[in-house]
C-alpha atoms as a PDB file:
ATOM      1  CA  MET A   1     -41.889 -38.476 -20.873  1.00  0.00           C
ATOM      2  CA  ARG A   2     -41.049 -38.511 -24.583  1.00  0.00           C
ATOM      3  CA  PHE A   3     -37.306 -38.325 -25.334  1.00  0.00           C
ATOM      4  CA  ARG A   4     -36.454 -35.180 -27.313  1.00  0.00           C
ATOM      5  CA  HIS A   5     -32.671 -34.895 -27.589  1.00  0.00           C
ATOM      6  CA  TYR A   6     -31.783 -37.129 -30.533  1.00  0.00           C
ATOM      7  CA  ASP A   7     -29.399 -34.505 -31.920  1.00  0.00           C
ATOM      8  CA  SER A   8     -27.494 -34.515 -28.640  1.00  0.00           C
ATOM      9  CA  LEU A   9     -27.542 -38.318 -28.623  1.00  0.00           C
ATOM     10  CA  ARG A  10     -25.837 -38.293 -32.024  1.00  0.00           C
ATOM     11  CA  VAL A  11     -23.233 -35.844 -30.701  1.00  0.00           C
ATOM     12  CA  PHE A  12     -22.658 -38.203 -27.752  1.00  0.00           C
ATOM     13  CA  THR A  13     -21.845 -41.130 -30.097  1.00  0.00           C
ATOM     14  CA  ILE A  14     -19.301 -38.999 -31.963  1.00  0.00           C
ATOM     15  CA  VAL A  15     -17.635 -37.854 -28.715  1.00  0.00           C
ATOM     16  CA  ALA A  16     -17.508 -41.494 -27.596  1.00  0.00           C
ATOM     17  CA  ARG A  17     -15.973 -42.554 -30.909  1.00  0.00           C
ATOM     18  CA  HIS A  18     -13.285 -39.857 -30.760  1.00  0.00           C
ATOM     19  CA  ARG A  19     -12.870 -40.124 -26.958  1.00  0.00           C
ATOM     20  CA  SER A  20     -12.367 -36.384 -26.937  1.00  0.00           C
ATOM     21  CA  PHE A  21     -14.609 -33.315 -26.879  1.00  0.00           C
ATOM     22  CA  SER A  22     -12.058 -31.386 -28.945  1.00  0.00           C
ATOM     23  CA  SER A  23     -11.728 -34.007 -31.698  1.00  0.00           C
ATOM     24  CA  ALA A  24     -15.487 -34.470 -31.848  1.00  0.00           C
ATOM     25  CA  ALA A  25     -15.925 -30.702 -32.142  1.00  0.00           C
ATOM     26  CA  ASP A  26     -13.535 -30.653 -35.104  1.00  0.00           C
ATOM     27  CA  ALA A  27     -15.433 -33.498 -36.789  1.00  0.00           C
ATOM     28  CA  LEU A  28     -18.759 -31.722 -36.273  1.00  0.00           C
ATOM     29  CA  ASN A  29     -17.492 -28.233 -37.160  1.00  0.00           C
ATOM     30  CA  LEU A  30     -18.648 -26.998 -33.756  1.00  0.00           C
ATOM     31  CA  THR A  31     -16.863 -25.407 -30.831  1.00  0.00           C
ATOM     32  CA  LYS A  32     -15.713 -27.580 -27.961  1.00  0.00           C
ATOM     33  CA  GLY A  33     -18.046 -25.621 -25.691  1.00  0.00           C
ATOM     34  CA  ALA A  34     -21.064 -26.353 -27.906  1.00  0.00           C
ATOM     35  CA  VAL A  35     -20.299 -30.079 -27.923  1.00  0.00           C
ATOM     36  CA  SER A  36     -19.781 -30.131 -24.151  1.00  0.00           C
ATOM     37  CA  TYR A  37     -23.056 -28.274 -23.645  1.00  0.00           C
ATOM     38  CA  GLN A  38     -25.017 -30.748 -25.769  1.00  0.00           C
ATOM     39  CA  VAL A  39     -23.596 -33.713 -23.869  1.00  0.00           C
ATOM     40  CA  LYS A  40     -24.360 -32.044 -20.526  1.00  0.00           C
ATOM     41  CA  GLN A  41     -27.911 -31.311 -21.705  1.00  0.00           C
ATOM     42  CA  LEU A  42     -28.293 -34.954 -22.730  1.00  0.00           C
ATOM     43  CA  GLU A  43     -27.027 -36.172 -19.355  1.00  0.00           C
ATOM     44  CA  GLU A  44     -29.540 -33.940 -17.589  1.00  0.00           C
ATOM     45  CA  GLU A  45     -32.355 -35.301 -19.761  1.00  0.00           C
ATOM     46  CA  LEU A  46     -31.289 -38.909 -19.110  1.00  0.00           C
ATOM     47  CA  GLY A  47     -30.669 -38.401 -15.412  1.00  0.00           C
ATOM     48  CA  PHE A  48     -27.239 -40.053 -15.356  1.00  0.00           C
ATOM     49  CA  ALA A  49     -23.646 -39.308 -16.409  1.00  0.00           C
ATOM     50  CA  LEU A  50     -22.360 -40.638 -19.718  1.00  0.00           C
ATOM     51  CA  PHE A  51     -18.710 -39.700 -19.243  1.00  0.00           C
ATOM     52  CA  GLU A  52     -16.235 -39.492 -16.423  1.00  0.00           C
ATOM     53  CA  ARG A  53     -14.276 -36.236 -16.709  1.00  0.00           C
ATOM     54  CA  LEU A  54     -10.668 -37.237 -15.990  1.00  0.00           C
ATOM     55  CA  PRO A  55      -7.610 -35.008 -15.460  1.00  0.00           C
ATOM     56  CA  ARG A  56      -6.445 -36.034 -18.930  1.00  0.00           C
ATOM     57  CA  GLY A  57      -9.404 -36.839 -21.137  1.00  0.00           C
ATOM     58  CA  ILE A  58     -12.719 -38.590 -20.683  1.00  0.00           C
ATOM     59  CA  ALA A  59     -13.969 -42.147 -20.242  1.00  0.00           C
ATOM     60  CA  LEU A  60     -17.398 -43.690 -20.676  1.00  0.00           C
ATOM     61  CA  THR A  61     -19.291 -44.606 -17.543  1.00  0.00           C
ATOM     62  CA  ALA A  62     -20.935 -48.046 -17.321  1.00  0.00           C
ATOM     63  CA  ARG A  63     -24.267 -46.493 -18.313  1.00  0.00           C
ATOM     64  CA  GLY A  64     -22.511 -44.526 -21.035  1.00  0.00           C
ATOM     65  CA  ARG A  65     -21.198 -47.778 -22.534  1.00  0.00           C
ATOM     66  CA  ASP A  66     -24.699 -49.262 -22.432  1.00  0.00           C
ATOM     67  CA  MET A  67     -26.112 -46.144 -24.075  1.00  0.00           C
ATOM     68  CA  LEU A  68     -23.457 -46.207 -26.798  1.00  0.00           C
ATOM     69  CA  GLY A  69     -24.156 -49.883 -27.463  1.00  0.00           C
ATOM     70  CA  ALA A  70     -27.806 -49.059 -28.078  1.00  0.00           C
ATOM     71  CA  ALA A  71     -27.447 -45.751 -29.941  1.00  0.00           C
ATOM     72  CA  GLN A  72     -24.490 -46.288 -32.249  1.00  0.00           C
ATOM     73  CA  PRO A  73     -25.853 -49.309 -34.197  1.00  0.00           C
ATOM     74  CA  ALA A  74     -29.176 -47.505 -34.616  1.00  0.00           C
ATOM     75  CA  PHE A  75     -27.549 -44.402 -36.090  1.00  0.00           C
ATOM     76  CA  GLU A  76     -25.304 -46.542 -38.311  1.00  0.00           C
ATOM     77  CA  THR A  77     -28.323 -48.454 -39.632  1.00  0.00           C
ATOM     78  CA  VAL A  78     -30.088 -45.191 -40.491  1.00  0.00           C
ATOM     79  CA  GLU A  79     -26.948 -43.807 -42.180  1.00  0.00           C
ATOM     80  CA  GLN A  80     -26.480 -46.984 -44.190  1.00  0.00           C
ATOM     81  CA  LYS A  81     -30.108 -46.898 -45.292  1.00  0.00           C
ATOM     82  CA  ILE A  82     -29.802 -43.252 -46.344  1.00  0.00           C
ATOM     83  CA  ALA A  83     -26.639 -44.058 -48.307  1.00  0.00           C
ATOM     84  CA  SER A  84     -28.345 -47.069 -49.880  1.00  0.00           C
ATOM     85  CA  LEU A  85     -31.356 -45.008 -50.969  1.00  0.00           C
ATOM     86  CA  GLN A  86     -29.087 -42.299 -52.365  1.00  0.00           C
ATOM     87  CA  ARG A  87     -27.143 -44.899 -54.352  1.00  0.00           C
ATOM     88  CA  GLN A  88     -30.242 -46.429 -55.939  1.00  0.00           C
ATOM     89  CA  GLY A  89     -29.975 -45.992 -59.668  1.00  0.00           C
ATOM     90  CA  SER A  90     -26.301 -45.027 -59.536  1.00  0.00           C
ATOM     91  CA  ARG A  91     -24.762 -47.697 -57.228  1.00  0.00           C
ATOM     92  CA  ILE A  92     -21.658 -45.722 -56.295  1.00  0.00           C
ATOM     93  CA  LEU A  93     -19.427 -47.732 -53.964  1.00  0.00           C
ATOM     94  CA  THR A  94     -16.934 -45.609 -52.002  1.00  0.00           C
ATOM     95  CA  ILE A  95     -13.773 -47.317 -50.757  1.00  0.00           C
ATOM     96  CA  GLY A  96     -11.370 -45.426 -48.488  1.00  0.00           C
ATOM     97  CA  MET A  97      -7.634 -46.111 -48.444  1.00  0.00           C
ATOM     98  CA  SER A  98      -4.260 -44.429 -48.602  1.00  0.00           C
ATOM     99  CA  THR A  99      -2.947 -43.361 -51.985  1.00  0.00           C
ATOM    100  CA  TYR A 100       0.041 -45.611 -51.173  1.00  0.00           C
ATOM    101  CA  PHE A 101      -2.091 -48.759 -51.091  1.00  0.00           C
ATOM    102  CA  ALA A 102      -4.242 -47.638 -54.023  1.00  0.00           C
ATOM    103  CA  SER A 103      -1.268 -47.068 -56.318  1.00  0.00           C
ATOM    104  CA  ARG A 104       0.930 -49.956 -55.192  1.00  0.00           C
ATOM    105  CA  TRP A 105      -1.605 -52.777 -54.758  1.00  0.00           C
ATOM    106  CA  LEU A 106      -5.125 -51.948 -55.955  1.00  0.00           C
ATOM    107  CA  SER A 107      -4.500 -50.094 -59.210  1.00  0.00           C
ATOM    108  CA  SER A 108      -3.121 -53.037 -61.193  1.00  0.00           C
ATOM    109  CA  ARG A 109      -6.030 -55.267 -60.123  1.00  0.00           C
ATOM    110  CA  LEU A 110      -8.917 -52.816 -60.315  1.00  0.00           C
ATOM    111  CA  MET A 111     -10.017 -53.449 -63.899  1.00  0.00           C
ATOM    112  CA  ARG A 112     -10.776 -57.057 -63.000  1.00  0.00           C
ATOM    113  CA  PHE A 113     -13.381 -55.877 -60.493  1.00  0.00           C
ATOM    114  CA  MET A 114     -14.814 -53.344 -62.961  1.00  0.00           C
ATOM    115  CA  SER A 115     -15.125 -56.038 -65.630  1.00  0.00           C
ATOM    116  CA  ALA A 116     -16.824 -58.463 -63.249  1.00  0.00           C
ATOM    117  CA  HIS A 117     -19.203 -55.791 -61.860  1.00  0.00           C
ATOM    118  CA  PRO A 118     -19.964 -53.298 -64.655  1.00  0.00           C
ATOM    119  CA  ASP A 119     -23.129 -52.149 -62.833  1.00  0.00           C
ATOM    120  CA  ILE A 120     -21.152 -50.798 -59.843  1.00  0.00           C
ATOM    121  CA  ARG A 121     -19.533 -47.371 -60.059  1.00  0.00           C
ATOM    122  CA  LEU A 122     -16.453 -47.418 -57.847  1.00  0.00           C
ATOM    123  CA  ARG A 123     -15.076 -44.346 -56.095  1.00  0.00           C
ATOM    124  CA  ILE A 124     -11.681 -44.483 -54.385  1.00  0.00           C
ATOM    125  CA  GLN A 125     -11.529 -42.010 -51.497  1.00  0.00           C
ATOM    126  CA  PRO A 126      -7.972 -41.096 -50.396  1.00  0.00           C
ATOM    127  CA  MET A 127      -7.839 -41.089 -46.615  1.00  0.00           C
ATOM    128  CA  VAL A 128      -5.346 -41.260 -43.800  1.00  0.00           C
ATOM    129  CA  ASP A 129      -7.533 -40.859 -40.720  1.00  0.00           C
ATOM    130  CA  LEU A 130     -10.121 -43.609 -40.256  1.00  0.00           C
ATOM    131  CA  PHE A 131     -12.534 -41.170 -38.593  1.00  0.00           C
ATOM    132  CA  ASP A 132     -13.191 -39.884 -42.117  1.00  0.00           C
ATOM    133  CA  LEU A 133     -14.975 -43.151 -42.923  1.00  0.00           C
ATOM    134  CA  ARG A 134     -18.405 -42.060 -41.698  1.00  0.00           C
ATOM    135  CA  ASP A 135     -17.899 -38.340 -42.202  1.00  0.00           C
ATOM    136  CA  GLU A 136     -17.068 -38.695 -45.900  1.00  0.00           C
ATOM    137  CA  GLY A 137     -19.572 -41.405 -46.848  1.00  0.00           C
ATOM    138  CA  VAL A 138     -17.011 -44.208 -47.111  1.00  0.00           C
ATOM    139  CA  ASP A 139     -18.622 -47.669 -47.331  1.00  0.00           C
ATOM    140  CA  LEU A 140     -15.457 -49.645 -46.596  1.00  0.00           C
ATOM    141  CA  ALA A 141     -11.904 -48.681 -45.649  1.00  0.00           C
ATOM    142  CA  ILE A 142      -8.591 -50.506 -45.980  1.00  0.00           C
ATOM    143  CA  ARG A 143      -6.379 -49.651 -43.016  1.00  0.00           C
ATOM    144  CA  TRP A 144      -2.721 -50.392 -42.277  1.00  0.00           C
ATOM    145  CA  GLY A 145      -1.511 -51.402 -38.828  1.00  0.00           C
ATOM    146  CA  HIS A 146      -1.857 -54.163 -36.256  1.00  0.00           C
ATOM    147  CA  GLY A 147      -5.649 -54.539 -36.289  1.00  0.00           C
ATOM    148  CA  GLY A 148      -6.099 -53.703 -32.606  1.00  0.00           C
ATOM    149  CA  TRP A 149      -8.776 -51.035 -33.081  1.00  0.00           C
ATOM    150  CA  ASP A 150     -12.224 -50.997 -31.507  1.00  0.00           C
ATOM    151  CA  ASP A 151     -13.831 -48.062 -33.339  1.00  0.00           C
ATOM    152  CA  MET A 152     -15.529 -50.258 -35.959  1.00  0.00           C
ATOM    153  CA  VAL A 153     -15.587 -53.810 -37.339  1.00  0.00           C
ATOM    154  CA  ILE A 154     -12.049 -54.886 -38.285  1.00  0.00           C
ATOM    155  CA  GLU A 155     -11.184 -57.943 -40.401  1.00  0.00           C
ATOM    156  CA  PRO A 156      -7.720 -59.171 -41.455  1.00  0.00           C
ATOM    157  CA  PHE A 157      -7.163 -58.800 -45.191  1.00  0.00           C
ATOM    158  CA  LEU A 158      -3.551 -58.703 -46.379  1.00  0.00           C
ATOM    159  CA  PRO A 159      -0.716 -59.649 -43.982  1.00  0.00           C
ATOM    160  CA  CYS A 160       2.255 -57.358 -44.654  1.00  0.00           C
ATOM    161  CA  PRO A 161       4.952 -57.436 -41.949  1.00  0.00           C
ATOM    162  CA  ALA A 162       6.578 -54.042 -41.397  1.00  0.00           C
ATOM    163  CA  TRP A 163      10.312 -53.386 -41.095  1.00  0.00           C
ATOM    164  CA  PRO A 164      12.560 -50.299 -41.032  1.00  0.00           C
ATOM    165  CA  THR A 165      13.785 -48.813 -44.284  1.00  0.00           C
ATOM    166  CA  GLY A 166      16.300 -46.082 -45.044  1.00  0.00           C
ATOM    167  CA  ASN A 167      18.396 -44.727 -47.879  1.00  0.00           C
ATOM    168  CA  ALA A 168      21.978 -45.775 -48.628  1.00  0.00           C
ATOM    169  CA  GLU A 169      23.460 -43.464 -45.963  1.00  0.00           C
ATOM    170  CA  ALA A 170      21.141 -44.832 -43.272  1.00  0.00           C
ATOM    171  CA  ALA A 171      21.971 -48.412 -44.266  1.00  0.00           C
ATOM    172  CA  GLU A 172      25.692 -47.609 -44.055  1.00  0.00           C
ATOM    173  CA  MET A 173      25.223 -46.087 -40.607  1.00  0.00           C
ATOM    174  CA  VAL A 174      23.373 -49.190 -39.329  1.00  0.00           C
ATOM    175  CA  ALA A 175      26.079 -51.464 -40.748  1.00  0.00           C
ATOM    176  CA  LYS A 176      28.856 -49.360 -39.199  1.00  0.00           C
ATOM    177  CA  LEU A 177      27.406 -48.516 -35.774  1.00  0.00           C
ATOM    178  CA  GLY A 178      24.937 -51.338 -35.251  1.00  0.00           C
ATOM    179  CA  PRO A 179      21.161 -50.847 -34.947  1.00  0.00           C
ATOM    180  CA  GLU A 180      21.099 -49.621 -31.321  1.00  0.00           C
ATOM    181  CA  ALA A 181      23.499 -46.720 -31.892  1.00  0.00           C
ATOM    182  CA  ALA A 182      22.332 -45.961 -35.435  1.00  0.00           C
ATOM    183  CA  PHE A 183      18.636 -45.697 -34.625  1.00  0.00           C
ATOM    184  CA  ARG A 184      19.522 -43.382 -31.757  1.00  0.00           C
ATOM    185  CA  ARG A 185      20.906 -40.944 -34.335  1.00  0.00           C
ATOM    186  CA  LEU A 186      18.316 -41.390 -37.074  1.00  0.00           C
ATOM    187  CA  THR A 187      15.010 -39.485 -37.283  1.00  0.00           C
ATOM    188  CA  LEU A 188      12.038 -41.828 -37.041  1.00  0.00           C
ATOM    189  CA  LEU A 189       9.243 -41.010 -39.484  1.00  0.00           C
ATOM    190  CA  ARG A 190       5.718 -41.919 -38.430  1.00  0.00           C
ATOM    191  CA  ASP A 191       2.176 -41.398 -39.690  1.00  0.00           C
ATOM    192  CA  ARG A 192       0.643 -39.837 -36.595  1.00  0.00           C
ATOM    193  CA  LYS A 193       1.648 -38.637 -33.152  1.00  0.00           C
ATOM    194  CA  ASP A 194      -0.125 -41.446 -31.280  1.00  0.00           C
ATOM    195  CA  SER A 195       1.269 -44.252 -33.451  1.00  0.00           C
ATOM    196  CA  ASN A 196       2.879 -47.122 -31.509  1.00  0.00           C
ATOM    197  CA  ALA A 197       4.455 -48.770 -34.542  1.00  0.00           C
ATOM    198  CA  TRP A 198       8.030 -47.710 -33.795  1.00  0.00           C
ATOM    199  CA  SER A 199       7.832 -48.566 -30.095  1.00  0.00           C
ATOM    200  CA  ASP A 200       6.352 -51.957 -31.098  1.00  0.00           C
ATOM    201  CA  TRP A 201       9.240 -52.580 -33.472  1.00  0.00           C
ATOM    202  CA  PHE A 202      11.895 -51.557 -30.939  1.00  0.00           C
ATOM    203  CA  ALA A 203      10.352 -54.001 -28.451  1.00  0.00           C
ATOM    204  CA  VAL A 204      10.395 -56.862 -30.986  1.00  0.00           C
ATOM    205  CA  ALA A 205      13.985 -55.967 -31.924  1.00  0.00           C
ATOM    206  CA  SER A 206      14.990 -55.888 -28.224  1.00  0.00           C
ATOM    207  CA  LEU A 207      16.247 -52.314 -28.580  1.00  0.00           C
ATOM    208  CA  THR A 208      15.731 -49.378 -26.227  1.00  0.00           C
ATOM    209  CA  PHE A 209      13.089 -46.966 -27.512  1.00  0.00           C
ATOM    210  CA  GLU A 210      14.066 -43.358 -26.823  1.00  0.00           C
ATOM    211  CA  GLY A 211      10.564 -41.940 -27.315  1.00  0.00           C
ATOM    212  CA  GLU A 212       9.528 -38.992 -29.456  1.00  0.00           C
ATOM    213  CA  SER A 213      12.630 -36.799 -29.252  1.00  0.00           C
ATOM    214  CA  GLU A 214      13.730 -37.491 -32.846  1.00  0.00           C
ATOM    215  CA  THR A 215      10.534 -38.132 -34.783  1.00  0.00           C
ATOM    216  CA  LEU A 216       8.895 -36.487 -37.771  1.00  0.00           C
ATOM    217  CA  ILE A 217       5.181 -36.956 -38.487  1.00  0.00           C
ATOM    218  CA  ILE A 218       4.284 -37.439 -42.166  1.00  0.00           C
ATOM    219  CA  PRO A 219       0.725 -38.769 -42.506  1.00  0.00           C
ATOM    220  CA  ASP A 220       0.806 -39.564 -46.247  1.00  0.00           C
ATOM    221  CA  PRO A 221       2.704 -42.861 -46.776  1.00  0.00           C
ATOM    222  CA  ASN A 222       3.796 -41.994 -50.332  1.00  0.00           C
ATOM    223  CA  VAL A 223       5.319 -38.748 -49.075  1.00  0.00           C
ATOM    224  CA  ARG A 224       6.911 -40.700 -46.218  1.00  0.00           C
ATOM    225  CA  VAL A 225       8.582 -43.111 -48.664  1.00  0.00           C
ATOM    226  CA  GLN A 226      10.010 -40.190 -50.638  1.00  0.00           C
ATOM    227  CA  ALA A 227      11.201 -38.554 -47.418  1.00  0.00           C
ATOM    228  CA  VAL A 228      13.163 -41.718 -46.582  1.00  0.00           C
ATOM    229  CA  ILE A 229      14.714 -41.749 -50.061  1.00  0.00           C
ATOM    230  CA  ASP A 230      15.637 -38.067 -49.624  1.00  0.00           C
ATOM    231  CA  GLY A 231      17.402 -38.827 -46.335  1.00  0.00           C
ATOM    232  CA  GLN A 232      14.960 -37.101 -43.985  1.00  0.00           C
ATOM    233  CA  GLY A 233      14.764 -40.161 -41.748  1.00  0.00           C
ATOM    234  CA  VAL A 234      13.828 -43.834 -41.590  1.00  0.00           C
ATOM    235  CA  ALA A 235      10.347 -45.363 -41.698  1.00  0.00           C
ATOM    236  CA  LEU A 236       8.558 -48.644 -41.215  1.00  0.00           C
ATOM    237  CA  ASN A 237       7.507 -50.022 -44.581  1.00  0.00           C
ATOM    238  CA  ASP A 238       6.440 -53.331 -46.103  1.00  0.00           C
ATOM    239  CA  ILE A 239       6.814 -55.430 -49.222  1.00  0.00           C
ATOM    240  CA  LEU A 240       4.932 -52.807 -51.271  1.00  0.00           C
ATOM    241  CA  VAL A 241       8.172 -50.763 -51.443  1.00  0.00           C
ATOM    242  CA  GLN A 242      10.006 -53.658 -53.139  1.00  0.00           C
ATOM    243  CA  PRO A 243      10.385 -51.675 -56.421  1.00  0.00           C
ATOM    244  CA  GLU A 244      12.373 -48.977 -54.577  1.00  0.00           C
ATOM    245  CA  ILE A 245      14.491 -51.646 -52.870  1.00  0.00           C
ATOM    246  CA  ASP A 246      15.172 -53.405 -56.176  1.00  0.00           C
ATOM    247  CA  ALA A 247      16.213 -50.064 -57.669  1.00  0.00           C
ATOM    248  CA  GLY A 248      18.611 -49.336 -54.796  1.00  0.00           C
ATOM    249  CA  ARG A 249      16.675 -46.269 -53.655  1.00  0.00           C
ATOM    250  CA  LEU A 250      15.583 -47.864 -50.376  1.00  0.00           C
ATOM    251  CA  TYR A 251      17.285 -50.370 -48.091  1.00  0.00           C
ATOM    252  CA  ARG A 252      15.852 -52.729 -45.528  1.00  0.00           C
ATOM    253  CA  LEU A 253      17.667 -51.877 -42.305  1.00  0.00           C
ATOM    254  CA  SER A 254      16.809 -54.973 -40.244  1.00  0.00           C
ATOM    255  CA  GLU A 255      15.490 -58.487 -40.681  1.00  0.00           C
ATOM    256  CA  THR A 256      13.315 -57.959 -37.594  1.00  0.00           C
ATOM    257  CA  ALA A 257       9.718 -57.307 -38.596  1.00  0.00           C
ATOM    258  CA  LEU A 258       6.352 -56.582 -37.030  1.00  0.00           C
ATOM    259  CA  GLU A 259       4.798 -59.851 -38.161  1.00  0.00           C
ATOM    260  CA  ASP A 260       1.244 -58.974 -37.066  1.00  0.00           C
ATOM    261  CA  TYR A 261       1.107 -55.774 -39.149  1.00  0.00           C
ATOM    262  CA  GLY A 262      -0.662 -55.533 -42.480  1.00  0.00           C
ATOM    263  CA  TYR A 263      -3.850 -54.293 -44.125  1.00  0.00           C
ATOM    264  CA  PHE A 264      -7.276 -54.680 -42.554  1.00  0.00           C
ATOM    265  CA  LEU A 265     -10.827 -54.087 -43.733  1.00  0.00           C
ATOM    266  CA  ALA A 266     -12.711 -51.562 -41.612  1.00  0.00           C
ATOM    267  CA  TYR A 267     -16.434 -50.880 -41.818  1.00  0.00           C
ATOM    268  CA  ALA A 268     -19.516 -50.039 -39.798  1.00  0.00           C
ATOM    269  CA  PRO A 269     -21.479 -53.118 -38.587  1.00  0.00           C
ATOM    270  CA  ALA A 270     -24.328 -52.488 -41.043  1.00  0.00           C
ATOM    271  CA  ALA A 271     -22.047 -52.130 -44.100  1.00  0.00           C
ATOM    272  CA  LEU A 272     -22.060 -55.777 -45.191  1.00  0.00           C
ATOM    273  CA  GLY A 273     -25.823 -55.531 -45.577  1.00  0.00           C
ATOM    274  CA  ASN A 274     -24.938 -53.541 -48.711  1.00  0.00           C
ATOM    275  CA  ARG A 275     -24.630 -56.100 -51.515  1.00  0.00           C
ATOM    276  CA  ASP A 276     -22.030 -53.993 -53.346  1.00  0.00           C
ATOM    277  CA  VAL A 277     -19.783 -53.882 -50.278  1.00  0.00           C
ATOM    278  CA  ALA A 278     -20.103 -57.650 -49.856  1.00  0.00           C
ATOM    279  CA  ASP A 279     -19.214 -58.192 -53.529  1.00  0.00           C
ATOM    280  CA  PHE A 280     -16.152 -55.955 -53.249  1.00  0.00           C
ATOM    281  CA  VAL A 281     -14.986 -57.725 -50.065  1.00  0.00           C
ATOM    282  CA  ASP A 282     -15.411 -61.131 -51.744  1.00  0.00           C
ATOM    283  CA  TRP A 283     -13.387 -59.871 -54.732  1.00  0.00           C
ATOM    284  CA  LEU A 284     -10.629 -58.475 -52.501  1.00  0.00           C
ATOM    285  CA  ARG A 285     -10.207 -61.809 -50.764  1.00  0.00           C
ATOM    286  CA  THR A 286      -9.596 -63.585 -54.091  1.00  0.00           C
ATOM    287  CA  SER A 287      -7.323 -60.933 -55.611  1.00  0.00           C
ATOM    288  CA  GLY A 288      -4.168 -61.253 -53.546  1.00  0.00           C
END
């Protein structure tokens, strides 16, 4: 029998990527019920379950993993080809990154790439959530963290150990009370609810992590830096805030750092088949 449910198969890959019916529904601008129905319809057509419905979330079955391994690269290849055909004649290369990284690292170097590749029109797409990569037509993303993601191809790019920063009052508190007592009183700023960065740092620093009781989520890193300066809390930052440290607006609160943190390249497997992406990656690796 001829397979008919390619739309539902595409929905399945998005649910698998997000590992949530609700998040996939948001990405697709559909209701959770509509997404669940399409996956159920697909499972009935295939004759086997793709997901295990757990008390808290979902997980791919063995056959679901096999199906994802076959379907996802195929859809990515089609999407890359469509993007390539649309770019013909204009050659617009879209790079996703935070405004923090764009302003503090890329901006001063960008004209060198433009001079070397005048035929490529570059578009910088501000982004915080990596799921936006496919949804917003991003060819390549630069992502901060530890690199332990499995939602796309990840390559190390710029090592940038992360350490806690605060304003003058926070630094005085750490010096007076010691890190254990001070961090118990300070609000921890983070980029997203499910971030493990602070718990990772507490473990490396051999301090007790109290959990989420005193945390504030600020996704935009530039806003987060300003919030630290304004005394709203402390945040994990890297060497890119050195100008604020030199000016006495920020203080490094500990010599302990997350040494494996930094900036990583993230892209779909088919992306490097795009010559413009490959040229930009080669340029990035020689521009540090």
